[in-house]
Amino acid sequence: MLKPDLITREELYEAVWAESVQSLAKALGISDVGLAKICKKLNVPRPGRGYWAKGAAARKVLKYRATAKTDPLATELLTP
């Protein structure tokens, strides 16, 4: 599992597409809105509404590719 202190953009991308933002945020100890803001700031695409429901219903779902970011270094997540 991810460490909430330090996470790379690539690790965040893989984690967001592996489980829901709500459950990932809970595991990291931050709010889902805070995690969504971090994803937006780092230009990390997130699954759209209904992504997890469609997957559970065995329907085809799309996974967006992460675009290149100029700063591939690790980014700190500040937890309250």
C-alpha atoms as a PDB file:
ATOM      1  CA  MET A   1       0.000   0.000   0.000  1.00  0.00           C
ATOM      2  CA  LEU A   2       1.031   3.596  -0.464  1.00  0.00           C
ATOM      3  CA  LYS A   3       2.727   5.647   2.192  1.00  0.00           C
ATOM      4  CA  PRO A   4       0.812   8.879   2.846  1.00  0.00           C
ATOM      5  CA  ASP A   5       3.974  10.935   3.406  1.00  0.00           C
ATOM      6  CA  LEU A   6       5.579  10.613  -0.015  1.00  0.00           C
ATOM      7  CA  ILE A   7       4.106   9.315  -3.255  1.00  0.00           C
ATOM      8  CA  THR A   8       5.176   9.660  -6.873  1.00  0.00           C
ATOM      9  CA  ARG A   9       2.813  10.778  -9.583  1.00  0.00           C
ATOM     10  CA  GLU A  10       3.025   7.364 -11.240  1.00  0.00           C
ATOM     11  CA  GLU A  11       2.188   5.572  -7.982  1.00  0.00           C
ATOM     12  CA  LEU A  12      -0.772   7.884  -7.473  1.00  0.00           C
ATOM     13  CA  TYR A  13      -2.025   7.178 -11.005  1.00  0.00           C
ATOM     14  CA  GLU A  14      -1.838   3.403 -10.485  1.00  0.00           C
ATOM     15  CA  ALA A  15      -3.503   3.624  -7.072  1.00  0.00           C
ATOM     16  CA  VAL A  16      -6.379   5.824  -8.280  1.00  0.00           C
ATOM     17  CA  TRP A  17      -7.175   3.367 -11.067  1.00  0.00           C
ATOM     18  CA  ALA A  18      -6.801   0.311  -8.804  1.00  0.00           C
ATOM     19  CA  GLU A  19      -9.428   1.339  -6.230  1.00  0.00           C
ATOM     20  CA  SER A  20     -11.998   4.051  -5.679  1.00  0.00           C
ATOM     21  CA  VAL A  21     -10.868   7.529  -4.672  1.00  0.00           C
ATOM     22  CA  GLN A  22     -12.957   7.317  -1.493  1.00  0.00           C
ATOM     23  CA  SER A  23     -11.326   4.103  -0.253  1.00  0.00           C
ATOM     24  CA  LEU A  24      -7.837   5.257  -1.287  1.00  0.00           C
ATOM     25  CA  ALA A  25      -8.284   8.587   0.496  1.00  0.00           C
ATOM     26  CA  LYS A  26      -9.453   6.796   3.631  1.00  0.00           C
ATOM     27  CA  ALA A  27      -6.369   4.557   3.530  1.00  0.00           C
ATOM     28  CA  LEU A  28      -4.125   7.623   3.146  1.00  0.00           C
ATOM     29  CA  GLY A  29      -5.881   9.476   5.962  1.00  0.00           C
ATOM     30  CA  ILE A  30      -7.162  12.391   3.860  1.00  0.00           C
ATOM     31  CA  SER A  31     -10.538  13.351   2.420  1.00  0.00           C
ATOM     32  CA  ASP A  32     -11.644  12.219  -1.022  1.00  0.00           C
ATOM     33  CA  VAL A  33     -12.019  15.867  -2.061  1.00  0.00           C
ATOM     34  CA  GLY A  34      -8.434  16.525  -0.953  1.00  0.00           C
ATOM     35  CA  LEU A  35      -7.196  13.556  -2.960  1.00  0.00           C
ATOM     36  CA  ALA A  36      -9.172  14.734  -5.991  1.00  0.00           C
ATOM     37  CA  LYS A  37      -7.546  18.175  -5.697  1.00  0.00           C
ATOM     38  CA  ILE A  38      -4.086  16.590  -5.531  1.00  0.00           C
ATOM     39  CA  CYS A  39      -4.867  14.538  -8.649  1.00  0.00           C
ATOM     40  CA  LYS A  40      -6.041  17.664 -10.452  1.00  0.00           C
ATOM     41  CA  LYS A  41      -2.934  19.620  -9.415  1.00  0.00           C
ATOM     42  CA  LEU A  42      -0.641  16.836 -10.660  1.00  0.00           C
ATOM     43  CA  ASN A  43      -2.707  16.268 -13.817  1.00  0.00           C
ATOM     44  CA  VAL A  44      -3.503  12.666 -12.848  1.00  0.00           C
ATOM     45  CA  PRO A  45      -6.678  11.449 -14.586  1.00  0.00           C
ATOM     46  CA  ARG A  46      -9.297   9.803 -12.381  1.00  0.00           C
ATOM     47  CA  PRO A  47     -12.047   7.352 -13.276  1.00  0.00           C
ATOM     48  CA  GLY A  48     -15.327   9.011 -14.164  1.00  0.00           C
ATOM     49  CA  ARG A  49     -18.675   8.545 -12.487  1.00  0.00           C
ATOM     50  CA  GLY A  50     -19.927   4.997 -12.726  1.00  0.00           C
ATOM     51  CA  TYR A  51     -16.507   3.493 -13.485  1.00  0.00           C
ATOM     52  CA  TRP A  52     -16.594   1.059 -10.568  1.00  0.00           C
ATOM     53  CA  ALA A  53     -20.269   0.180 -11.096  1.00  0.00           C
ATOM     54  CA  LYS A  54     -19.660  -0.627 -14.763  1.00  0.00           C
ATOM     55  CA  GLY A  55     -16.678  -2.785 -13.864  1.00  0.00           C
ATOM     56  CA  ALA A  56     -18.749  -4.669 -11.297  1.00  0.00           C
ATOM     57  CA  ALA A  57     -21.442  -5.240 -13.920  1.00  0.00           C
ATOM     58  CA  ALA A  58     -18.822  -6.638 -16.340  1.00  0.00           C
ATOM     59  CA  ARG A  59     -19.293  -3.781 -18.800  1.00  0.00           C
ATOM     60  CA  LYS A  60     -16.432  -2.335 -20.837  1.00  0.00           C
ATOM     61  CA  VAL A  61     -14.687   0.578 -19.100  1.00  0.00           C
ATOM     62  CA  LEU A  62     -12.016   2.961 -20.362  1.00  0.00           C
ATOM     63  CA  LYS A  63      -8.814   3.786 -18.513  1.00  0.00           C
ATOM     64  CA  TYR A  64      -7.281   7.141 -19.406  1.00  0.00           C
ATOM     65  CA  ARG A  65      -3.535   7.416 -19.939  1.00  0.00           C
ATOM     66  CA  ALA A  66      -1.509   9.734 -17.794  1.00  0.00           C
ATOM     67  CA  THR A  67       0.026  12.570 -19.769  1.00  0.00           C
ATOM     68  CA  ALA A  68       3.669  13.523 -19.401  1.00  0.00           C
ATOM     69  CA  LYS A  69       4.433  15.918 -16.579  1.00  0.00           C
ATOM     70  CA  THR A  70       7.495  18.138 -16.622  1.00  0.00           C
ATOM     71  CA  ASP A  71       8.403  17.293 -13.027  1.00  0.00           C
ATOM     72  CA  PRO A  72       8.382  13.490 -12.543  1.00  0.00           C
ATOM     73  CA  LEU A  73       9.814  13.756  -9.025  1.00  0.00           C
ATOM     74  CA  ALA A  74       7.958  12.614  -5.937  1.00  0.00           C
ATOM     75  CA  THR A  75       5.335  14.936  -4.519  1.00  0.00           C
ATOM     76  CA  GLU A  76       4.480  15.197  -0.853  1.00  0.00           C
ATOM     77  CA  LEU A  77       0.947  14.650   0.342  1.00  0.00           C
ATOM     78  CA  LEU A  78       0.283  16.920   3.260  1.00  0.00           C
ATOM     79  CA  THR A  79      -2.019  15.253   5.724  1.00  0.00           C
ATOM     80  CA  PRO A  80      -3.783  17.175   8.476  1.00  0.00           C
END
